[in-house]
Amino acid sequence: GREAKTKSYMWLYQTGSGGTSPPAIIYDYQPWRSGLYAKNYL
């Protein structure tokens, strides 16, 4: 449903370092750049 030249967005979330666990990185693909994605995810 989308042309190959259409931009999509990868939302990246990384936990802080310095704790007892290594940082975790989460990649969340979304078709648009809207702050609603971050709001819903977080």
Full PDB file with SEQRES, HELIX, SHEET, SSBOND, CRYST1, ORIGX, SCALE, CONECT and MASTER records, all heavy atoms in Angstrom:
SEQRES   1 A   42  GLY ARG GLU ALA LYS THR LYS SER TYR MET TRP LEU TYR          
SEQRES   2 A   42  GLN THR GLY SER GLY GLY THR SER PRO PRO ALA ILE ILE          
SEQRES   3 A   42  TYR ASP TYR GLN PRO TRP ARG SER GLY LEU TYR ALA LYS          
SEQRES   4 A   42  ASN TYR LEU                                                  
HELIX    1 AA1 GLY A   35  TYR A   41  1                                   7    
SHEET    1 AA1 2 TYR A   9  GLN A  14  0                                        
SHEET    2 AA1 2 ILE A  25  GLN A  30 -1                                        
CRYST1    1.000    1.000    1.000  90.00  90.00  90.00 P 1           1          
ORIGX1      1.000000  0.000000  0.000000        0.00000                         
ORIGX2      0.000000  1.000000  0.000000        0.00000                         
ORIGX3      0.000000  0.000000  1.000000        0.00000                         
SCALE1      1.000000  0.000000  0.000000        0.00000                         
SCALE2      0.000000  1.000000  0.000000        0.00000                         
SCALE3      0.000000  0.000000  1.000000        0.00000                         
ATOM      1  N   GLY A   1       0.765  -1.231   0.000  1.00  0.00           N  
ATOM      2  CA  GLY A   1       0.000   0.000   0.000  1.00  0.00           C  
ATOM      3  C   GLY A   1       0.798   1.284   0.000  1.00  0.00           C  
ATOM      4  O   GLY A   1       0.229   2.365   0.107  1.00  0.00           O  
ATOM      5  N   ARG A   2       2.128   1.187  -0.115  1.00  0.00           N  
ATOM      6  CA  ARG A   2       2.953   2.396  -0.090  1.00  0.00           C  
ATOM      7  C   ARG A   2       4.019   2.314  -1.173  1.00  0.00           C  
ATOM      8  O   ARG A   2       4.538   1.243  -1.469  1.00  0.00           O  
ATOM      9  CB  ARG A   2       3.627   2.551   1.271  1.00  0.00           C  
ATOM     10  CG  ARG A   2       2.583   2.653   2.386  1.00  0.00           C  
ATOM     11  CD  ARG A   2       3.206   2.867   3.723  1.00  0.00           C  
ATOM     12  NE  ARG A   2       3.581   4.275   3.820  1.00  0.00           N  
ATOM     13  CZ  ARG A   2       4.357   4.765   4.764  1.00  0.00           C  
ATOM     14  NH1 ARG A   2       4.886   3.977   5.677  1.00  0.00           N  
ATOM     15  NH2 ARG A   2       4.632   6.036   4.816  1.00  0.00           N  
ATOM     16  N   GLU A   3       4.342   3.471  -1.757  1.00  0.00           N  
ATOM     17  CA  GLU A   3       5.402   3.523  -2.761  1.00  0.00           C  
ATOM     18  C   GLU A   3       6.757   3.291  -2.097  1.00  0.00           C  
ATOM     19  O   GLU A   3       6.954   3.640  -0.933  1.00  0.00           O  
ATOM     20  CB  GLU A   3       5.403   4.877  -3.462  1.00  0.00           C  
ATOM     21  CG  GLU A   3       4.172   5.130  -4.309  1.00  0.00           C  
ATOM     22  CD  GLU A   3       4.278   6.452  -5.052  1.00  0.00           C  
ATOM     23  OE1 GLU A   3       5.403   6.816  -5.465  1.00  0.00           O  
ATOM     24  OE2 GLU A   3       3.248   7.107  -5.208  1.00  0.00           O  
ATOM     25  N   ALA A   4       7.688   2.724  -2.842  1.00  0.00           N  
ATOM     26  CA  ALA A   4       9.013   2.405  -2.296  1.00  0.00           C  
ATOM     27  C   ALA A   4       9.769   3.644  -1.833  1.00  0.00           C  
ATOM     28  O   ALA A   4      10.601   3.565  -0.938  1.00  0.00           O  
ATOM     29  CB  ALA A   4       9.837   1.651  -3.330  1.00  0.00           C  
ATOM     30  N   LYS A   5       9.481   4.793  -2.391  1.00  0.00           N  
ATOM     31  CA  LYS A   5      10.199   6.013  -2.001  1.00  0.00           C  
ATOM     32  C   LYS A   5       9.578   6.704  -0.775  1.00  0.00           C  
ATOM     33  O   LYS A   5      10.098   7.691  -0.294  1.00  0.00           O  
ATOM     34  CB  LYS A   5      10.247   6.988  -3.172  1.00  0.00           C  
ATOM     35  CG  LYS A   5       8.884   7.482  -3.621  1.00  0.00           C  
ATOM     36  CD  LYS A   5       8.998   8.380  -4.826  1.00  0.00           C  
ATOM     37  CE  LYS A   5       7.604   8.821  -5.262  1.00  0.00           C  
ATOM     38  NZ  LYS A   5       7.661   9.662  -6.435  1.00  0.00           N  
ATOM     39  N   THR A   6       8.494   6.170  -0.247  1.00  0.00           N  
ATOM     40  CA  THR A   6       7.831   6.760   0.909  1.00  0.00           C  
ATOM     41  C   THR A   6       8.660   6.543   2.172  1.00  0.00           C  
ATOM     42  O   THR A   6       9.155   5.456   2.412  1.00  0.00           O  
ATOM     43  CB  THR A   6       6.434   6.133   1.108  1.00  0.00           C  
ATOM     44  OG1 THR A   6       5.685   6.292  -0.097  1.00  0.00           O  
ATOM     45  CG2 THR A   6       5.701   6.789   2.247  1.00  0.00           C  
ATOM     46  N   LYS A   7       8.785   7.599   2.972  1.00  0.00           N  
ATOM     47  CA  LYS A   7       9.517   7.477   4.229  1.00  0.00           C  
ATOM     48  C   LYS A   7       8.661   6.763   5.269  1.00  0.00           C  
ATOM     49  O   LYS A   7       7.474   7.019   5.409  1.00  0.00           O  
ATOM     50  CB  LYS A   7       9.881   8.847   4.786  1.00  0.00           C  
ATOM     51  CG  LYS A   7      11.041   9.512   4.125  1.00  0.00           C  
ATOM     52  CD  LYS A   7      11.378  10.791   4.873  1.00  0.00           C  
ATOM     53  CE  LYS A   7      12.452  11.574   4.166  1.00  0.00           C  
ATOM     54  NZ  LYS A   7      12.731  12.845   4.862  1.00  0.00           N  
ATOM     55  N   SER A   8       9.290   5.883   5.994  1.00  0.00           N  
ATOM     56  CA  SER A   8       8.722   5.274   7.188  1.00  0.00           C  
ATOM     57  C   SER A   8       9.669   5.641   8.324  1.00  0.00           C  
ATOM     58  O   SER A   8      10.693   6.295   8.096  1.00  0.00           O  
ATOM     59  CB  SER A   8       8.634   3.753   7.015  1.00  0.00           C  
ATOM     60  OG  SER A   8       7.756   3.428   5.962  1.00  0.00           O  
ATOM     61  N   TYR A   9       9.363   5.206   9.536  1.00  0.00           N  
ATOM     62  CA  TYR A   9      10.177   5.646  10.668  1.00  0.00           C  
ATOM     63  C   TYR A   9      10.467   4.516  11.642  1.00  0.00           C  
ATOM     64  O   TYR A   9       9.615   3.674  11.911  1.00  0.00           O  
ATOM     65  CB  TYR A   9       9.497   6.813  11.399  1.00  0.00           C  
ATOM     66  CG  TYR A   9       9.434   8.016  10.503  1.00  0.00           C  
ATOM     67  CD1 TYR A   9       8.379   8.196   9.632  1.00  0.00           C  
ATOM     68  CD2 TYR A   9      10.480   8.929  10.474  1.00  0.00           C  
ATOM     69  CE1 TYR A   9       8.346   9.280   8.766  1.00  0.00           C  
ATOM     70  CE2 TYR A   9      10.461  10.009   9.615  1.00  0.00           C  
ATOM     71  CZ  TYR A   9       9.385  10.182   8.764  1.00  0.00           C  
ATOM     72  OH  TYR A   9       9.373  11.240   7.901  1.00  0.00           O  
ATOM     73  N   MET A  10      11.679   4.515  12.145  1.00  0.00           N  
ATOM     74  CA  MET A  10      12.096   3.580  13.175  1.00  0.00           C  
ATOM     75  C   MET A  10      12.252   4.371  14.464  1.00  0.00           C  
ATOM     76  O   MET A  10      13.062   5.297  14.543  1.00  0.00           O  
ATOM     77  CB  MET A  10      13.419   2.902  12.799  1.00  0.00           C  
ATOM     78  CG  MET A  10      13.766   1.742  13.668  1.00  0.00           C  
ATOM     79  SD  MET A  10      12.660   0.332  13.514  1.00  0.00           S  
ATOM     80  CE  MET A  10      13.023  -0.228  11.861  1.00  0.00           C  
ATOM     81  N   TRP A  11      11.435   4.016  15.438  1.00  0.00           N  
ATOM     82  CA  TRP A  11      11.503   4.631  16.760  1.00  0.00           C  
ATOM     83  C   TRP A  11      12.420   3.765  17.610  1.00  0.00           C  
ATOM     84  O   TRP A  11      12.232   2.556  17.694  1.00  0.00           O  
ATOM     85  CB  TRP A  11      10.104   4.713  17.373  1.00  0.00           C  
ATOM     86  CG  TRP A  11       9.217   5.656  16.622  1.00  0.00           C  
ATOM     87  CD1 TRP A  11       8.568   5.409  15.441  1.00  0.00           C  
ATOM     88  CD2 TRP A  11       8.907   6.987  16.971  1.00  0.00           C  
ATOM     89  NE1 TRP A  11       7.873   6.509  15.042  1.00  0.00           N  
ATOM     90  CE2 TRP A  11       8.056   7.508  15.967  1.00  0.00           C  
ATOM     91  CE3 TRP A  11       9.256   7.811  18.036  1.00  0.00           C  
ATOM     92  CZ2 TRP A  11       7.557   8.794  16.005  1.00  0.00           C  
ATOM     93  CZ3 TRP A  11       8.753   9.100  18.071  1.00  0.00           C  
ATOM     94  CH2 TRP A  11       7.912   9.587  17.071  1.00  0.00           C  
ATOM     95  N   LEU A  12      13.423   4.374  18.200  1.00  0.00           N  
ATOM     96  CA  LEU A  12      14.422   3.645  18.983  1.00  0.00           C  
ATOM     97  C   LEU A  12      14.345   4.064  20.444  1.00  0.00           C  
ATOM     98  O   LEU A  12      14.252   5.247  20.755  1.00  0.00           O  
ATOM     99  CB  LEU A  12      15.829   3.942  18.451  1.00  0.00           C  
ATOM    100  CG  LEU A  12      16.027   3.675  16.966  1.00  0.00           C  
ATOM    101  CD1 LEU A  12      17.315   4.305  16.482  1.00  0.00           C  
ATOM    102  CD2 LEU A  12      16.031   2.199  16.707  1.00  0.00           C  
ATOM    103  N   TYR A  13      14.377   3.075  21.302  1.00  0.00           N  
ATOM    104  CA  TYR A  13      14.355   3.315  22.747  1.00  0.00           C  
ATOM    105  C   TYR A  13      15.501   2.531  23.365  1.00  0.00           C  
ATOM    106  O   TYR A  13      15.665   1.342  23.092  1.00  0.00           O  
ATOM    107  CB  TYR A  13      13.027   2.854  23.354  1.00  0.00           C  
ATOM    108  CG  TYR A  13      11.835   3.497  22.702  1.00  0.00           C  
ATOM    109  CD1 TYR A  13      11.120   2.833  21.715  1.00  0.00           C  
ATOM    110  CD2 TYR A  13      11.419   4.772  23.067  1.00  0.00           C  
ATOM    111  CE1 TYR A  13      10.030   3.422  21.100  1.00  0.00           C  
ATOM    112  CE2 TYR A  13      10.327   5.375  22.468  1.00  0.00           C  
ATOM    113  CZ  TYR A  13       9.637   4.686  21.478  1.00  0.00           C  
ATOM    114  OH  TYR A  13       8.555   5.272  20.875  1.00  0.00           O  
ATOM    115  N   GLN A  14      16.301   3.194  24.210  1.00  0.00           N  
ATOM    116  CA  GLN A  14      17.423   2.536  24.871  1.00  0.00           C  
ATOM    117  C   GLN A  14      17.374   2.825  26.357  1.00  0.00           C  
ATOM    118  O   GLN A  14      17.266   3.972  26.774  1.00  0.00           O  
ATOM    119  CB  GLN A  14      18.757   3.029  24.313  1.00  0.00           C  
ATOM    120  CG  GLN A  14      19.945   2.393  25.037  1.00  0.00           C  
ATOM    121  CD  GLN A  14      21.268   2.804  24.448  1.00  0.00           C  
ATOM    122  OE1 GLN A  14      21.428   2.839  23.248  1.00  0.00           O  
ATOM    123  NE2 GLN A  14      22.221   3.112  25.307  1.00  0.00           N  
ATOM    124  N   THR A  15      17.462   1.757  27.139  1.00  0.00           N  
ATOM    125  CA  THR A  15      17.522   1.940  28.587  1.00  0.00           C  
ATOM    126  C   THR A  15      18.887   2.493  28.952  1.00  0.00           C  
ATOM    127  O   THR A  15      19.859   2.303  28.236  1.00  0.00           O  
ATOM    128  CB  THR A  15      17.293   0.613  29.327  1.00  0.00           C  
ATOM    129  OG1 THR A  15      18.307  -0.320  28.945  1.00  0.00           O  
ATOM    130  CG2 THR A  15      15.924   0.038  29.021  1.00  0.00           C  
ATOM    131  N   GLY A  16      18.954   3.172  30.065  1.00  0.00           N  
ATOM    132  CA  GLY A  16      20.206   3.763  30.518  1.00  0.00           C  
ATOM    133  C   GLY A  16      21.206   2.712  30.942  1.00  0.00           C  
ATOM    134  O   GLY A  16      20.861   1.595  31.311  1.00  0.00           O  
ATOM    135  N   SER A  17      22.456   3.060  30.866  1.00  0.00           N  
ATOM    136  CA  SER A  17      23.513   2.153  31.325  1.00  0.00           C  
ATOM    137  C   SER A  17      23.894   2.527  32.746  1.00  0.00           C  
ATOM    138  O   SER A  17      23.443   3.512  33.287  1.00  0.00           O  
ATOM    139  CB  SER A  17      24.723   2.249  30.399  1.00  0.00           C  
ATOM    140  OG  SER A  17      25.199   3.579  30.384  1.00  0.00           O  
ATOM    141  N   GLY A  18      24.730   1.733  33.327  1.00  0.00           N  
ATOM    142  CA  GLY A  18      25.197   2.020  34.671  1.00  0.00           C  
ATOM    143  C   GLY A  18      24.556   1.161  35.737  1.00  0.00           C  
ATOM    144  O   GLY A  18      24.988   1.151  36.871  1.00  0.00           O  
ATOM    145  N   GLY A  19      23.521   0.420  35.392  1.00  0.00           N  
ATOM    146  CA  GLY A  19      22.890  -0.477  36.345  1.00  0.00           C  
ATOM    147  C   GLY A  19      23.567  -1.827  36.330  1.00  0.00           C  
ATOM    148  O   GLY A  19      24.663  -2.001  35.799  1.00  0.00           O  
ATOM    149  N   THR A  20      22.908  -2.795  36.902  1.00  0.00           N  
ATOM    150  CA  THR A  20      23.474  -4.141  36.943  1.00  0.00           C  
ATOM    151  C   THR A  20      23.224  -4.911  35.647  1.00  0.00           C  
ATOM    152  O   THR A  20      23.861  -5.922  35.411  1.00  0.00           O  
ATOM    153  CB  THR A  20      22.879  -4.939  38.116  1.00  0.00           C  
ATOM    154  OG1 THR A  20      21.453  -4.976  37.972  1.00  0.00           O  
ATOM    155  CG2 THR A  20      23.240  -4.289  39.436  1.00  0.00           C  
ATOM    156  N   SER A  21      22.313  -4.429  34.822  1.00  0.00           N  
ATOM    157  CA  SER A  21      22.011  -5.087  33.548  1.00  0.00           C  
ATOM    158  C   SER A  21      22.561  -4.255  32.397  1.00  0.00           C  
ATOM    159  O   SER A  21      22.633  -3.024  32.493  1.00  0.00           O  
ATOM    160  CB  SER A  21      20.500  -5.230  33.373  1.00  0.00           C  
ATOM    161  OG  SER A  21      19.953  -5.988  34.408  1.00  0.00           O  
ATOM    162  N   PRO A  22      22.915  -4.896  31.292  1.00  0.00           N  
ATOM    163  CA  PRO A  22      23.354  -4.129  30.130  1.00  0.00           C  
ATOM    164  C   PRO A  22      22.170  -3.363  29.531  1.00  0.00           C  
ATOM    165  O   PRO A  22      21.016  -3.742  29.739  1.00  0.00           O  
ATOM    166  CB  PRO A  22      23.866  -5.204  29.165  1.00  0.00           C  
ATOM    167  CG  PRO A  22      23.213  -6.460  29.605  1.00  0.00           C  
ATOM    168  CD  PRO A  22      22.961  -6.335  31.066  1.00  0.00           C  
ATOM    169  N   PRO A  23      22.437  -2.282  28.807  1.00  0.00           N  
ATOM    170  CA  PRO A  23      21.356  -1.517  28.191  1.00  0.00           C  
ATOM    171  C   PRO A  23      20.561  -2.387  27.213  1.00  0.00           C  
ATOM    172  O   PRO A  23      21.109  -3.285  26.588  1.00  0.00           O  
ATOM    173  CB  PRO A  23      22.068  -0.395  27.443  1.00  0.00           C  
ATOM    174  CG  PRO A  23      23.449  -0.369  27.964  1.00  0.00           C  
ATOM    175  CD  PRO A  23      23.744  -1.715  28.521  1.00  0.00           C  
ATOM    176  N   ALA A  24      19.293  -2.103  27.099  1.00  0.00           N  
ATOM    177  CA  ALA A  24      18.434  -2.769  26.115  1.00  0.00           C  
ATOM    178  C   ALA A  24      18.036  -1.741  25.067  1.00  0.00           C  
ATOM    179  O   ALA A  24      17.758  -0.579  25.390  1.00  0.00           O  
ATOM    180  CB  ALA A  24      17.194  -3.335  26.793  1.00  0.00           C  
ATOM    181  N   ILE A  25      18.019  -2.169  23.805  1.00  0.00           N  
ATOM    182  CA  ILE A  25      17.608  -1.288  22.713  1.00  0.00           C  
ATOM    183  C   ILE A  25      16.389  -1.916  22.044  1.00  0.00           C  
ATOM    184  O   ILE A  25      16.402  -3.088  21.677  1.00  0.00           O  
ATOM    185  CB  ILE A  25      18.738  -1.090  21.691  1.00  0.00           C  
ATOM    186  CG1 ILE A  25      19.964  -0.503  22.378  1.00  0.00           C  
ATOM    187  CG2 ILE A  25      18.260  -0.197  20.553  1.00  0.00           C  
ATOM    188  CD1 ILE A  25      21.191  -0.432  21.497  1.00  0.00           C  
ATOM    189  N   ILE A  26      15.348  -1.114  21.884  1.00  0.00           N  
ATOM    190  CA  ILE A  26      14.110  -1.566  21.255  1.00  0.00           C  
ATOM    191  C   ILE A  26      13.901  -0.770  19.985  1.00  0.00           C  
ATOM    192  O   ILE A  26      14.007   0.460  19.977  1.00  0.00           O  
ATOM    193  CB  ILE A  26      12.919  -1.370  22.215  1.00  0.00           C  
ATOM    194  CG1 ILE A  26      13.142  -2.206  23.469  1.00  0.00           C  
ATOM    195  CG2 ILE A  26      11.608  -1.714  21.529  1.00  0.00           C  
ATOM    196  CD1 ILE A  26      12.222  -1.864  24.598  1.00  0.00           C  
ATOM    197  N   TYR A  27      13.610  -1.470  18.892  1.00  0.00           N  
ATOM    198  CA  TYR A  27      13.323  -0.863  17.601  1.00  0.00           C  
ATOM    199  C   TYR A  27      11.828  -1.015  17.342  1.00  0.00           C  
ATOM    200  O   TYR A  27      11.310  -2.127  17.336  1.00  0.00           O  
ATOM    201  CB  TYR A  27      14.106  -1.560  16.491  1.00  0.00           C  
ATOM    202  CG  TYR A  27      15.603  -1.442  16.639  1.00  0.00           C  
ATOM    203  CD1 TYR A  27      16.321  -2.312  17.459  1.00  0.00           C  
ATOM    204  CD2 TYR A  27      16.300  -0.453  15.949  1.00  0.00           C  
ATOM    205  CE1 TYR A  27      17.698  -2.200  17.595  1.00  0.00           C  
ATOM    206  CE2 TYR A  27      17.679  -0.342  16.082  1.00  0.00           C  
ATOM    207  CZ  TYR A  27      18.361  -1.217  16.908  1.00  0.00           C  
ATOM    208  OH  TYR A  27      19.707  -1.110  17.042  1.00  0.00           O  
ATOM    209  N   ASP A  28      11.140   0.093  17.130  1.00  0.00           N  
ATOM    210  CA  ASP A  28       9.698   0.081  16.907  1.00  0.00           C  
ATOM    211  C   ASP A  28       9.395   0.735  15.565  1.00  0.00           C  
ATOM    212  O   ASP A  28       9.414   1.955  15.441  1.00  0.00           O  
ATOM    213  CB  ASP A  28       8.999   0.831  18.050  1.00  0.00           C  
ATOM    214  CG  ASP A  28       7.486   0.836  17.926  1.00  0.00           C  
ATOM    215  OD1 ASP A  28       6.917  -0.152  17.428  1.00  0.00           O  
ATOM    216  OD2 ASP A  28       6.876   1.837  18.339  1.00  0.00           O  
ATOM    217  N   TYR A  29       9.102  -0.093  14.553  1.00  0.00           N  
ATOM    218  CA  TYR A  29       8.796   0.419  13.213  1.00  0.00           C  
ATOM    219  C   TYR A  29       7.397   1.010  13.185  1.00  0.00           C  
ATOM    220  O   TYR A  29       6.448   0.410  13.689  1.00  0.00           O  
ATOM    221  CB  TYR A  29       8.892  -0.698  12.172  1.00  0.00           C  
ATOM    222  CG  TYR A  29       8.297  -0.266  10.856  1.00  0.00           C  
ATOM    223  CD1 TYR A  29       9.025   0.528   9.985  1.00  0.00           C  
ATOM    224  CD2 TYR A  29       6.998  -0.605  10.517  1.00  0.00           C  
ATOM    225  CE1 TYR A  29       8.472   0.968   8.802  1.00  0.00           C  
ATOM    226  CE2 TYR A  29       6.432  -0.174   9.338  1.00  0.00           C  
ATOM    227  CZ  TYR A  29       7.172   0.612   8.483  1.00  0.00           C  
ATOM    228  OH  TYR A  29       6.622   1.053   7.323  1.00  0.00           O  
ATOM    229  N   GLN A  30       7.276   2.186  12.577  1.00  0.00           N  
ATOM    230  CA  GLN A  30       5.975   2.817  12.374  1.00  0.00           C  
ATOM    231  C   GLN A  30       5.960   3.497  11.008  1.00  0.00           C  
ATOM    232  O   GLN A  30       6.987   3.979  10.536  1.00  0.00           O  
ATOM    233  CB  GLN A  30       5.691   3.858  13.469  1.00  0.00           C  
ATOM    234  CG  GLN A  30       5.604   3.289  14.863  1.00  0.00           C  
ATOM    235  CD  GLN A  30       4.412   2.351  15.048  1.00  0.00           C  
ATOM    236  OE1 GLN A  30       3.466   2.338  14.267  1.00  0.00           O  
ATOM    237  NE2 GLN A  30       4.473   1.538  16.090  1.00  0.00           N  
ATOM    238  N   PRO A  31       4.814   3.555  10.357  1.00  0.00           N  
ATOM    239  CA  PRO A  31       4.756   4.146   9.021  1.00  0.00           C  
ATOM    240  C   PRO A  31       4.797   5.675   9.006  1.00  0.00           C  
ATOM    241  O   PRO A  31       5.001   6.266   7.960  1.00  0.00           O  
ATOM    242  CB  PRO A  31       3.420   3.636   8.473  1.00  0.00           C  
ATOM    243  CG  PRO A  31       2.586   3.373   9.673  1.00  0.00           C  
ATOM    244  CD  PRO A  31       3.550   2.938  10.740  1.00  0.00           C  
ATOM    245  N   TRP A  32       4.595   6.329  10.143  1.00  0.00           N  
ATOM    246  CA  TRP A  32       4.549   7.788  10.183  1.00  0.00           C  
ATOM    247  C   TRP A  32       5.407   8.325  11.328  1.00  0.00           C  
ATOM    248  O   TRP A  32       5.737   7.607  12.253  1.00  0.00           O  
ATOM    249  CB  TRP A  32       3.109   8.275  10.366  1.00  0.00           C  
ATOM    250  CG  TRP A  32       2.147   7.611   9.442  1.00  0.00           C  
ATOM    251  CD1 TRP A  32       1.196   6.689   9.781  1.00  0.00           C  
ATOM    252  CD2 TRP A  32       2.049   7.764   8.038  1.00  0.00           C  
ATOM    253  NE1 TRP A  32       0.514   6.276   8.676  1.00  0.00           N  
ATOM    254  CE2 TRP A  32       1.014   6.916   7.578  1.00  0.00           C  
ATOM    255  CE3 TRP A  32       2.733   8.534   7.109  1.00  0.00           C  
ATOM    256  CZ2 TRP A  32       0.658   6.829   6.244  1.00  0.00           C  
ATOM    257  CZ3 TRP A  32       2.362   8.432   5.771  1.00  0.00           C  
ATOM    258  CH2 TRP A  32       1.341   7.603   5.358  1.00  0.00           C  
ATOM    259  N   ARG A  33       5.668   9.613  11.261  1.00  0.00           N  
ATOM    260  CA  ARG A  33       6.431  10.297  12.325  1.00  0.00           C  
ATOM    261  C   ARG A  33       5.458  11.139  13.140  1.00  0.00           C  
ATOM    262  O   ARG A  33       5.266  12.321  12.883  1.00  0.00           O  
ATOM    263  CB  ARG A  33       7.521  11.173  11.718  1.00  0.00           C  
ATOM    264  CG  ARG A  33       8.426  11.797  12.771  1.00  0.00           C  
ATOM    265  CD  ARG A  33       9.493  12.640  12.110  1.00  0.00           C  
ATOM    266  NE  ARG A  33      10.471  13.071  13.093  1.00  0.00           N  
ATOM    267  CZ  ARG A  33      10.947  14.293  13.161  1.00  0.00           C  
ATOM    268  NH1 ARG A  33      10.540  15.215  12.315  1.00  0.00           N  
ATOM    269  NH2 ARG A  33      11.838  14.602  14.067  1.00  0.00           N  
ATOM    270  N   SER A  34       4.846  10.525  14.095  1.00  0.00           N  
ATOM    271  CA  SER A  34       3.891  11.206  14.960  1.00  0.00           C  
ATOM    272  C   SER A  34       4.266  10.927  16.411  1.00  0.00           C  
ATOM    273  O   SER A  34       4.542   9.783  16.772  1.00  0.00           O  
ATOM    274  CB  SER A  34       2.472  10.694  14.689  1.00  0.00           C  
ATOM    275  OG  SER A  34       1.581  11.111  15.700  1.00  0.00           O  
ATOM    276  N   GLY A  35       4.218  11.959  17.228  1.00  0.00           N  
ATOM    277  CA  GLY A  35       4.503  11.788  18.641  1.00  0.00           C  
ATOM    278  C   GLY A  35       3.531  10.849  19.339  1.00  0.00           C  
ATOM    279  O   GLY A  35       3.811  10.355  20.430  1.00  0.00           O  
ATOM    280  N   LEU A  36       2.406  10.562  18.704  1.00  0.00           N  
ATOM    281  CA  LEU A  36       1.448   9.617  19.289  1.00  0.00           C  
ATOM    282  C   LEU A  36       2.043   8.218  19.419  1.00  0.00           C  
ATOM    283  O   LEU A  36       1.686   7.485  20.331  1.00  0.00           O  
ATOM    284  CB  LEU A  36       0.167   9.564  18.461  1.00  0.00           C  
ATOM    285  CG  LEU A  36      -0.721  10.803  18.543  1.00  0.00           C  
ATOM    286  CD1 LEU A  36      -1.907  10.679  17.590  1.00  0.00           C  
ATOM    287  CD2 LEU A  36      -1.204  11.008  19.969  1.00  0.00           C  
ATOM    288  N   TYR A  37       2.951   7.855  18.518  1.00  0.00           N  
ATOM    289  CA  TYR A  37       3.598   6.541  18.631  1.00  0.00           C  
ATOM    290  C   TYR A  37       4.435   6.463  19.907  1.00  0.00           C  
ATOM    291  O   TYR A  37       4.369   5.475  20.640  1.00  0.00           O  
ATOM    292  CB  TYR A  37       4.467   6.240  17.414  1.00  0.00           C  
ATOM    293  CG  TYR A  37       3.672   6.076  16.152  1.00  0.00           C  
ATOM    294  CD1 TYR A  37       3.879   6.909  15.067  1.00  0.00           C  
ATOM    295  CD2 TYR A  37       2.715   5.081  16.033  1.00  0.00           C  
ATOM    296  CE1 TYR A  37       3.141   6.755  13.897  1.00  0.00           C  
ATOM    297  CE2 TYR A  37       1.977   4.917  14.876  1.00  0.00           C  
ATOM    298  CZ  TYR A  37       2.196   5.765  13.814  1.00  0.00           C  
ATOM    299  OH  TYR A  37       1.468   5.610  12.664  1.00  0.00           O  
ATOM    300  N   ALA A  38       5.215   7.502  20.170  1.00  0.00           N  
ATOM    301  CA  ALA A  38       6.012   7.530  21.402  1.00  0.00           C  
ATOM    302  C   ALA A  38       5.095   7.572  22.615  1.00  0.00           C  
ATOM    303  O   ALA A  38       5.333   6.877  23.608  1.00  0.00           O  
ATOM    304  CB  ALA A  38       6.955   8.725  21.400  1.00  0.00           C  
ATOM    305  N   LYS A  39       4.054   8.358  22.553  1.00  0.00           N  
ATOM    306  CA  LYS A  39       3.117   8.456  23.675  1.00  0.00           C  
ATOM    307  C   LYS A  39       2.496   7.093  23.981  1.00  0.00           C  
ATOM    308  O   LYS A  39       2.437   6.676  25.139  1.00  0.00           O  
ATOM    309  CB  LYS A  39       2.022   9.461  23.351  1.00  0.00           C  
ATOM    310  CG  LYS A  39       1.002   9.609  24.448  1.00  0.00           C  
ATOM    311  CD  LYS A  39      -0.074  10.604  24.066  1.00  0.00           C  
ATOM    312  CE  LYS A  39      -1.112  10.715  25.182  1.00  0.00           C  
ATOM    313  NZ  LYS A  39      -2.144  11.692  24.845  1.00  0.00           N  
ATOM    314  N   ASN A  40       2.034   6.398  22.958  1.00  0.00           N  
ATOM    315  CA  ASN A  40       1.417   5.083  23.165  1.00  0.00           C  
ATOM    316  C   ASN A  40       2.425   4.052  23.633  1.00  0.00           C  
ATOM    317  O   ASN A  40       2.133   3.254  24.528  1.00  0.00           O  
ATOM    318  CB  ASN A  40       0.732   4.604  21.884  1.00  0.00           C  
ATOM    319  CG  ASN A  40      -0.491   5.424  21.557  1.00  0.00           C  
ATOM    320  OD1 ASN A  40      -1.107   6.028  22.425  1.00  0.00           O  
ATOM    321  ND2 ASN A  40      -0.849   5.465  20.290  1.00  0.00           N  
ATOM    322  N   TYR A  41       3.621   4.061  23.035  1.00  0.00           N  
ATOM    323  CA  TYR A  41       4.631   3.064  23.403  1.00  0.00           C  
ATOM    324  C   TYR A  41       5.106   3.263  24.838  1.00  0.00           C  
ATOM    325  O   TYR A  41       5.361   2.306  25.562  1.00  0.00           O  
ATOM    326  CB  TYR A  41       5.812   3.113  22.436  1.00  0.00           C  
ATOM    327  CG  TYR A  41       6.688   1.911  22.581  1.00  0.00           C  
ATOM    328  CD1 TYR A  41       6.412   0.750  21.880  1.00  0.00           C  
ATOM    329  CD2 TYR A  41       7.764   1.912  23.455  1.00  0.00           C  
ATOM    330  CE1 TYR A  41       7.191  -0.379  22.044  1.00  0.00           C  
ATOM    331  CE2 TYR A  41       8.551   0.797  23.624  1.00  0.00           C  
ATOM    332  CZ  TYR A  41       8.258  -0.339  22.914  1.00  0.00           C  
ATOM    333  OH  TYR A  41       9.033  -1.463  23.077  1.00  0.00           O  
ATOM    334  N   LEU A  42       5.203   4.507  25.253  1.00  0.00           N  
ATOM    335  CA  LEU A  42       5.753   4.821  26.574  1.00  0.00           C  
ATOM    336  C   LEU A  42       4.671   5.103  27.619  1.00  0.00           C  
ATOM    337  O   LEU A  42       4.969   5.651  28.682  1.00  0.00           O  
ATOM    338  CB  LEU A  42       6.696   6.028  26.462  1.00  0.00           C  
ATOM    339  CG  LEU A  42       7.924   5.806  25.577  1.00  0.00           C  
ATOM    340  CD1 LEU A  42       8.678   7.116  25.394  1.00  0.00           C  
ATOM    341  CD2 LEU A  42       8.819   4.724  26.147  1.00  0.00           C  
TER     342      LEU A  42                                                      
MASTER        0    0    0    1    2    0    0    6  341    1    0    4          
END                                                                             
